[in-house]
Amino acid sequence: MGSTRRSFTEEYRAQAVAFVVYEGRPVAEVARNIGVHEMTLRKWVVRRATFDWIENYYNTDRRHSALNYLAPREYSLGYREISQIAA
């Protein structure tokens, strides 16, 4: 008979990732302490880093055609109105 997969809550994953990302503890040490496989924890850390990059950098700096090819940050600062006045 095969083993059953363990499931972890999102809160549990976030706390484990916080030990690695914010406290600077090694992935192997944290994985050993919380009882998960090192690769599992590493995947959680990479997933979180990717999400943070997309939300905090890519989506704020990427130009959008719906915003007249302005980045959301520029649009929210009112560059659209400034460019219309100058034109």
N, C-alpha and C. Protein backbone atom coordinates (compact mmCIF):
# COMPACT_ATOMS: atom_id res chain seq x y z
N MET A 1 0.83 -1.16 0.00
CA MET A 1 0.00 0.00 0.00
C MET A 1 0.89 1.25 0.00
N GLY A 2 0.53 2.25 -0.81
CA GLY A 2 1.34 3.46 -0.92
C GLY A 2 1.11 4.41 0.24
N SER A 3 2.02 5.33 0.37
CA SER A 3 1.89 6.32 1.43
C SER A 3 0.96 7.44 0.98
N THR A 4 0.35 8.10 1.93
CA THR A 4 -0.54 9.21 1.61
C THR A 4 0.26 10.51 1.61
N ARG A 5 -0.15 11.42 0.76
CA ARG A 5 0.53 12.71 0.69
C ARG A 5 0.07 13.61 1.82
N ARG A 6 1.00 14.31 2.40
CA ARG A 6 0.65 15.28 3.41
C ARG A 6 0.26 16.58 2.73
N SER A 7 -0.67 17.28 3.32
CA SER A 7 -1.02 18.59 2.80
C SER A 7 -0.72 19.64 3.87
N PHE A 8 -0.33 20.80 3.43
CA PHE A 8 0.06 21.88 4.33
C PHE A 8 -0.80 23.11 4.03
N THR A 9 -1.20 23.80 5.06
CA THR A 9 -1.99 25.00 4.85
C THR A 9 -1.11 26.10 4.27
N GLU A 10 -1.74 27.07 3.67
CA GLU A 10 -1.00 28.20 3.10
C GLU A 10 -0.27 28.98 4.19
N GLU A 11 -0.86 29.07 5.35
CA GLU A 11 -0.23 29.77 6.48
C GLU A 11 1.05 29.04 6.91
N TYR A 12 1.00 27.73 6.96
CA TYR A 12 2.16 26.93 7.33
C TYR A 12 3.29 27.14 6.33
N ARG A 13 2.95 27.12 5.05
CA ARG A 13 3.95 27.34 4.00
C ARG A 13 4.57 28.73 4.12
N ALA A 14 3.72 29.73 4.36
CA ALA A 14 4.21 31.11 4.46
C ALA A 14 5.17 31.26 5.64
N GLN A 15 4.87 30.61 6.75
CA GLN A 15 5.76 30.69 7.91
C GLN A 15 7.10 30.01 7.63
N ALA A 16 7.05 28.87 6.95
CA ALA A 16 8.29 28.16 6.61
C ALA A 16 9.14 29.00 5.67
N VAL A 17 8.52 29.63 4.69
CA VAL A 17 9.24 30.48 3.74
C VAL A 17 9.82 31.69 4.46
N ALA A 18 9.10 32.23 5.41
CA ALA A 18 9.58 33.39 6.17
C ALA A 18 10.86 33.08 6.93
N PHE A 19 10.97 31.87 7.45
CA PHE A 19 12.21 31.47 8.13
C PHE A 19 13.40 31.57 7.18
N VAL A 20 13.19 31.19 5.94
CA VAL A 20 14.28 31.19 4.95
C VAL A 20 14.54 32.60 4.42
N VAL A 21 13.47 33.27 3.99
CA VAL A 21 13.62 34.55 3.30
C VAL A 21 13.96 35.68 4.25
N TYR A 22 13.21 35.82 5.32
CA TYR A 22 13.36 36.99 6.18
C TYR A 22 14.36 36.79 7.31
N GLU A 23 14.51 35.56 7.77
CA GLU A 23 15.47 35.32 8.84
C GLU A 23 16.81 34.83 8.32
N GLY A 24 16.89 34.51 7.04
CA GLY A 24 18.15 34.11 6.43
C GLY A 24 18.65 32.73 6.84
N ARG A 25 17.77 31.89 7.31
CA ARG A 25 18.18 30.55 7.72
C ARG A 25 18.28 29.64 6.49
N PRO A 26 19.21 28.69 6.49
CA PRO A 26 19.37 27.79 5.33
C PRO A 26 18.14 26.91 5.11
N VAL A 27 17.84 26.65 3.85
CA VAL A 27 16.69 25.83 3.49
C VAL A 27 16.80 24.45 4.12
N ALA A 28 17.98 23.85 4.07
CA ALA A 28 18.16 22.50 4.62
C ALA A 28 17.85 22.46 6.11
N GLU A 29 18.30 23.47 6.84
CA GLU A 29 18.06 23.52 8.28
C GLU A 29 16.58 23.66 8.60
N VAL A 30 15.92 24.59 7.92
CA VAL A 30 14.49 24.82 8.17
C VAL A 30 13.69 23.58 7.79
N ALA A 31 14.00 22.98 6.65
CA ALA A 31 13.29 21.77 6.22
C ALA A 31 13.43 20.65 7.24
N ARG A 32 14.62 20.48 7.74
CA ARG A 32 14.87 19.44 8.73
C ARG A 32 14.09 19.73 10.02
N ASN A 33 14.06 20.98 10.45
CA ASN A 33 13.38 21.36 11.68
C ASN A 33 11.86 21.21 11.61
N ILE A 34 11.29 21.48 10.45
CA ILE A 34 9.82 21.40 10.34
C ILE A 34 9.34 20.06 9.79
N GLY A 35 10.27 19.22 9.36
CA GLY A 35 9.91 17.88 8.94
C GLY A 35 9.38 17.75 7.52
N VAL A 36 9.88 18.60 6.61
CA VAL A 36 9.51 18.46 5.20
C VAL A 36 10.77 18.21 4.39
N HIS A 37 10.59 17.72 3.20
CA HIS A 37 11.72 17.47 2.32
C HIS A 37 12.31 18.80 1.88
N GLU A 38 13.62 18.84 1.72
CA GLU A 38 14.31 20.08 1.34
C GLU A 38 13.79 20.63 0.01
N MET A 39 13.57 19.76 -0.96
CA MET A 39 13.08 20.22 -2.26
C MET A 39 11.67 20.82 -2.17
N THR A 40 10.87 20.29 -1.27
CA THR A 40 9.52 20.83 -1.08
C THR A 40 9.61 22.27 -0.59
N LEU A 41 10.42 22.49 0.42
CA LEU A 41 10.59 23.84 0.95
C LEU A 41 11.21 24.76 -0.09
N ARG A 42 12.16 24.26 -0.84
CA ARG A 42 12.80 25.07 -1.89
C ARG A 42 11.78 25.52 -2.93
N LYS A 43 10.86 24.63 -3.30
CA LYS A 43 9.80 24.99 -4.25
C LYS A 43 8.89 26.08 -3.68
N TRP A 44 8.58 25.97 -2.39
CA TRP A 44 7.76 27.01 -1.76
C TRP A 44 8.46 28.36 -1.79
N VAL A 45 9.76 28.36 -1.54
CA VAL A 45 10.54 29.61 -1.53
C VAL A 45 10.58 30.21 -2.94
N VAL A 46 10.82 29.39 -3.93
CA VAL A 46 10.88 29.87 -5.32
C VAL A 46 9.53 30.41 -5.76
N ARG A 47 8.46 29.71 -5.41
CA ARG A 47 7.12 30.16 -5.76
C ARG A 47 6.84 31.53 -5.16
N ARG A 48 7.23 31.72 -3.91
CA ARG A 48 7.01 32.99 -3.23
C ARG A 48 7.86 34.10 -3.86
N ALA A 49 9.10 33.80 -4.19
CA ALA A 49 9.98 34.80 -4.81
C ALA A 49 9.44 35.21 -6.18
N THR A 50 8.93 34.26 -6.93
CA THR A 50 8.36 34.56 -8.25
C THR A 50 7.13 35.43 -8.11
N PHE A 51 6.26 35.09 -7.18
CA PHE A 51 5.05 35.89 -6.94
C PHE A 51 5.42 37.32 -6.55
N ASP A 52 6.37 37.46 -5.63
CA ASP A 52 6.79 38.79 -5.20
C ASP A 52 7.36 39.61 -6.35
N TRP A 53 8.15 38.97 -7.21
CA TRP A 53 8.74 39.68 -8.35
C TRP A 53 7.65 40.17 -9.30
N ILE A 54 6.69 39.30 -9.59
CA ILE A 54 5.62 39.68 -10.51
C ILE A 54 4.79 40.80 -9.93
N GLU A 55 4.38 40.67 -8.68
CA GLU A 55 3.51 41.67 -8.07
C GLU A 55 4.21 42.99 -7.78
N ASN A 56 5.46 42.95 -7.35
CA ASN A 56 6.12 44.17 -6.91
C ASN A 56 6.98 44.85 -7.96
N TYR A 57 7.37 44.14 -8.99
CA TYR A 57 8.21 44.76 -10.01
C TYR A 57 7.55 44.72 -11.38
N TYR A 58 7.31 43.52 -11.88
CA TYR A 58 6.87 43.37 -13.26
C TYR A 58 5.55 44.09 -13.52
N ASN A 59 4.56 43.87 -12.68
CA ASN A 59 3.26 44.48 -12.92
C ASN A 59 3.26 45.98 -12.71
N THR A 60 4.20 46.51 -11.98
CA THR A 60 4.23 47.96 -11.76
C THR A 60 5.05 48.68 -12.81
N ASP A 61 6.00 48.01 -13.46
CA ASP A 61 6.87 48.67 -14.44
C ASP A 61 6.53 48.34 -15.89
N ARG A 62 5.79 47.27 -16.12
CA ARG A 62 5.48 46.87 -17.48
C ARG A 62 4.45 47.84 -18.08
N ARG A 63 4.67 48.23 -19.30
CA ARG A 63 3.75 49.15 -19.97
C ARG A 63 2.51 48.41 -20.45
N HIS A 64 1.35 49.05 -20.30
CA HIS A 64 0.07 48.44 -20.67
C HIS A 64 -0.58 49.25 -21.78
N SER A 65 -1.07 48.56 -22.78
CA SER A 65 -1.73 49.25 -23.87
C SER A 65 -3.03 49.92 -23.40
N ALA A 66 -3.70 49.33 -22.43
CA ALA A 66 -4.94 49.91 -21.92
C ALA A 66 -4.68 51.23 -21.17
N LEU A 67 -3.45 51.45 -20.77
CA LEU A 67 -3.09 52.69 -20.06
C LEU A 67 -2.30 53.63 -20.96
N ASN A 68 -2.55 53.54 -22.26
CA ASN A 68 -1.86 54.38 -23.25
C ASN A 68 -0.35 54.16 -23.19
N TYR A 69 0.03 52.89 -23.03
CA TYR A 69 1.42 52.46 -22.98
C TYR A 69 2.23 53.12 -21.87
N LEU A 70 1.57 53.34 -20.75
CA LEU A 70 2.23 53.81 -19.54
C LEU A 70 2.31 52.66 -18.55
N ALA A 71 3.31 52.69 -17.71
CA ALA A 71 3.38 51.72 -16.62
C ALA A 71 2.32 52.09 -15.59
N PRO A 72 1.78 51.13 -14.88
CA PRO A 72 0.76 51.45 -13.87
C PRO A 72 1.22 52.50 -12.86
N ARG A 73 2.49 52.44 -12.50
CA ARG A 73 3.01 53.43 -11.56
C ARG A 73 2.95 54.83 -12.16
N GLU A 74 3.34 54.96 -13.42
CA GLU A 74 3.28 56.26 -14.10
C GLU A 74 1.84 56.73 -14.24
N TYR A 75 0.96 55.81 -14.59
CA TYR A 75 -0.45 56.15 -14.78
C TYR A 75 -1.05 56.66 -13.48
N SER A 76 -0.74 55.98 -12.37
CA SER A 76 -1.31 56.39 -11.09
C SER A 76 -0.76 57.73 -10.63
N LEU A 77 0.42 58.11 -11.09
CA LEU A 77 1.00 59.41 -10.73
C LEU A 77 0.46 60.55 -11.58
N GLY A 78 -0.36 60.22 -12.57
CA GLY A 78 -0.98 61.26 -13.37
C GLY A 78 -0.23 61.65 -14.62
N TYR A 79 0.67 60.81 -15.10
CA TYR A 79 1.42 61.14 -16.30
C TYR A 79 0.50 61.23 -17.52
N ARG A 80 -0.60 60.51 -17.47
CA ARG A 80 -1.52 60.55 -18.61
C ARG A 80 -2.08 61.96 -18.76
N GLU A 81 -2.49 62.58 -17.66
CA GLU A 81 -3.03 63.92 -17.72
C GLU A 81 -1.97 64.93 -18.17
N ILE A 82 -0.75 64.75 -17.70
CA ILE A 82 0.34 65.65 -18.07
C ILE A 82 0.61 65.56 -19.57
N SER A 83 0.63 64.33 -20.10
CA SER A 83 0.91 64.17 -21.52
C SER A 83 -0.22 64.73 -22.38
N GLN A 84 -1.45 64.67 -21.91
CA GLN A 84 -2.57 65.23 -22.67
C GLN A 84 -2.53 66.75 -22.68
N ILE A 85 -2.08 67.35 -21.58
CA ILE A 85 -1.96 68.82 -21.52
C ILE A 85 -0.86 69.29 -22.45
N ALA A 86 0.24 68.54 -22.52
CA ALA A 86 1.38 68.93 -23.35
C ALA A 86 1.07 68.77 -24.83
N ALA A 87 0.14 67.91 -25.19
CA ALA A 87 -0.14 67.63 -26.60
C ALA A 87 -1.02 68.66 -27.25
